[in-house]
Amino acid sequence: MLSTSLDLLAAGPLCAQLRERLSANPSVELIGSAVERVSTACLQIIVSASATARQRGGSVMLTSPSPALSQALLDLGLTLDQLA
């Protein structure tokens, strides 16, 4: 479950958490329903984690994106399919 605020301060902890999870399992599900604020840095981390997961034969699945998260993805020209 992603936190409500994925601002710049959340980028470091998010990166560390995704690294840890991907080292244990190449497939990760991120539930985005609670996200109220999101920074480009956090979206970059999620995209990078998705690429890493694919290289390892897995995936990062972003499910139930909140309106704020959906809008942030749209603003950057990203789709959920690009993260899978």
C-alpha atoms as a PDB file:
ATOM      1  CA  MET A   1       0.000   0.000   0.000  1.00  0.00           C
ATOM      2  CA  LEU A   2       1.504   3.310  -1.070  1.00  0.00           C
ATOM      3  CA  SER A   3       1.384   6.128   1.463  1.00  0.00           C
ATOM      4  CA  THR A   4      -0.898   9.140   1.141  1.00  0.00           C
ATOM      5  CA  SER A   5       2.004  11.457   0.395  1.00  0.00           C
ATOM      6  CA  LEU A   6       4.583  10.476  -2.194  1.00  0.00           C
ATOM      7  CA  ASP A   7       6.321  13.838  -2.076  1.00  0.00           C
ATOM      8  CA  LEU A   8      10.041  14.471  -2.448  1.00  0.00           C
ATOM      9  CA  LEU A   9      10.709  13.486   1.173  1.00  0.00           C
ATOM     10  CA  ALA A  10       9.093  10.107   0.523  1.00  0.00           C
ATOM     11  CA  ALA A  11      11.344   9.326  -2.456  1.00  0.00           C
ATOM     12  CA  GLY A  12      14.292   7.917  -0.474  1.00  0.00           C
ATOM     13  CA  PRO A  13      12.216   5.610   1.729  1.00  0.00           C
ATOM     14  CA  LEU A  14      10.123   4.483  -1.268  1.00  0.00           C
ATOM     15  CA  CYS A  15      13.278   3.625  -3.206  1.00  0.00           C
ATOM     16  CA  ALA A  16      14.721   1.645  -0.302  1.00  0.00           C
ATOM     17  CA  GLN A  17      11.445  -0.205   0.254  1.00  0.00           C
ATOM     18  CA  LEU A  18      11.112  -1.165  -3.411  1.00  0.00           C
ATOM     19  CA  ARG A  19      14.737  -2.321  -3.579  1.00  0.00           C
ATOM     20  CA  GLU A  20      14.178  -4.534  -0.558  1.00  0.00           C
ATOM     21  CA  ARG A  21      10.952  -5.998  -1.909  1.00  0.00           C
ATOM     22  CA  LEU A  22      12.360  -6.604  -5.376  1.00  0.00           C
ATOM     23  CA  SER A  23      15.406  -8.350  -3.952  1.00  0.00           C
ATOM     24  CA  ALA A  24      13.064 -10.799  -2.198  1.00  0.00           C
ATOM     25  CA  ASN A  25      10.535 -11.178  -5.022  1.00  0.00           C
ATOM     26  CA  PRO A  26      10.729  -9.953  -8.647  1.00  0.00           C
ATOM     27  CA  SER A  27       6.986  -9.180  -8.680  1.00  0.00           C
ATOM     28  CA  VAL A  28       5.479  -6.472  -6.497  1.00  0.00           C
ATOM     29  CA  GLU A  29       1.971  -5.052  -6.243  1.00  0.00           C
ATOM     30  CA  LEU A  30       1.608  -1.396  -5.304  1.00  0.00           C
ATOM     31  CA  ILE A  31      -1.851  -0.284  -4.197  1.00  0.00           C
ATOM     32  CA  GLY A  32      -2.289   3.406  -4.941  1.00  0.00           C
ATOM     33  CA  SER A  33      -5.782   4.122  -3.631  1.00  0.00           C
ATOM     34  CA  ALA A  34      -4.599   6.230  -0.669  1.00  0.00           C
ATOM     35  CA  VAL A  35      -2.214   8.519  -2.592  1.00  0.00           C
ATOM     36  CA  GLU A  36      -3.195  12.175  -2.283  1.00  0.00           C
ATOM     37  CA  ARG A  37       0.073  13.837  -3.379  1.00  0.00           C
ATOM     38  CA  VAL A  38       2.775  12.501  -5.669  1.00  0.00           C
ATOM     39  CA  SER A  39       6.069  13.902  -6.895  1.00  0.00           C
ATOM     40  CA  THR A  40       7.776  13.225 -10.188  1.00  0.00           C
ATOM     41  CA  ALA A  41      10.688  11.739  -8.227  1.00  0.00           C
ATOM     42  CA  CYS A  42       8.463   9.055  -6.712  1.00  0.00           C
ATOM     43  CA  LEU A  43       6.969   8.234 -10.089  1.00  0.00           C
ATOM     44  CA  GLN A  44      10.487   7.928 -11.505  1.00  0.00           C
ATOM     45  CA  ILE A  45      11.319   5.470  -8.730  1.00  0.00           C
ATOM     46  CA  ILE A  46       8.239   3.389  -9.503  1.00  0.00           C
ATOM     47  CA  VAL A  47       9.079   3.375 -13.240  1.00  0.00           C
ATOM     48  CA  SER A  48      12.666   2.386 -12.461  1.00  0.00           C
ATOM     49  CA  ALA A  49      11.498  -0.388 -10.138  1.00  0.00           C
ATOM     50  CA  SER A  50       9.217  -1.630 -12.894  1.00  0.00           C
ATOM     51  CA  ALA A  51      12.126  -1.798 -15.352  1.00  0.00           C
ATOM     52  CA  THR A  52      14.259  -3.628 -12.778  1.00  0.00           C
ATOM     53  CA  ALA A  53      11.470  -6.098 -12.105  1.00  0.00           C
ATOM     54  CA  ARG A  54      11.052  -6.805 -15.832  1.00  0.00           C
ATOM     55  CA  GLN A  55      14.803  -7.451 -16.155  1.00  0.00           C
ATOM     56  CA  ARG A  56      14.453 -10.022 -13.387  1.00  0.00           C
ATOM     57  CA  GLY A  57      11.450 -11.703 -14.999  1.00  0.00           C
ATOM     58  CA  GLY A  58       8.896 -10.037 -12.734  1.00  0.00           C
ATOM     59  CA  SER A  59       6.697  -6.976 -12.712  1.00  0.00           C
ATOM     60  CA  VAL A  60       5.508  -4.033 -10.684  1.00  0.00           C
ATOM     61  CA  MET A  61       1.728  -3.913 -10.711  1.00  0.00           C
ATOM     62  CA  LEU A  62       0.180  -0.580  -9.740  1.00  0.00           C
ATOM     63  CA  THR A  63      -3.431  -1.198  -8.761  1.00  0.00           C
ATOM     64  CA  SER A  64      -6.302   1.032  -7.654  1.00  0.00           C
ATOM     65  CA  PRO A  65      -4.590   4.339  -8.398  1.00  0.00           C
ATOM     66  CA  SER A  66      -6.211   7.298  -6.671  1.00  0.00           C
ATOM     67  CA  PRO A  67      -7.382  10.266  -8.757  1.00  0.00           C
ATOM     68  CA  ALA A  68      -4.243  12.196  -7.737  1.00  0.00           C
ATOM     69  CA  LEU A  69      -1.964   9.335  -8.760  1.00  0.00           C
ATOM     70  CA  SER A  70      -3.848   8.798 -12.021  1.00  0.00           C
ATOM     71  CA  GLN A  71      -3.553  12.495 -12.844  1.00  0.00           C
ATOM     72  CA  ALA A  72       0.178  12.536 -12.058  1.00  0.00           C
ATOM     73  CA  LEU A  73       0.711   9.568 -14.388  1.00  0.00           C
ATOM     74  CA  LEU A  74      -1.323  11.294 -17.091  1.00  0.00           C
ATOM     75  CA  ASP A  75       0.599  14.562 -16.616  1.00  0.00           C
ATOM     76  CA  LEU A  76       3.852  12.695 -17.291  1.00  0.00           C
ATOM     77  CA  GLY A  77       2.457  10.764 -20.235  1.00  0.00           C
ATOM     78  CA  LEU A  78       2.592   7.419 -18.406  1.00  0.00           C
ATOM     79  CA  THR A  79       0.056   4.624 -18.358  1.00  0.00           C
ATOM     80  CA  LEU A  80      -0.446   1.704 -15.993  1.00  0.00           C
ATOM     81  CA  ASP A  81       0.455  -0.636 -18.849  1.00  0.00           C
ATOM     82  CA  GLN A  82       3.907   0.943 -19.066  1.00  0.00           C
ATOM     83  CA  LEU A  83       4.559   0.030 -15.443  1.00  0.00           C
ATOM     84  CA  ALA A  84       3.535  -3.620 -15.716  1.00  0.00           C
END
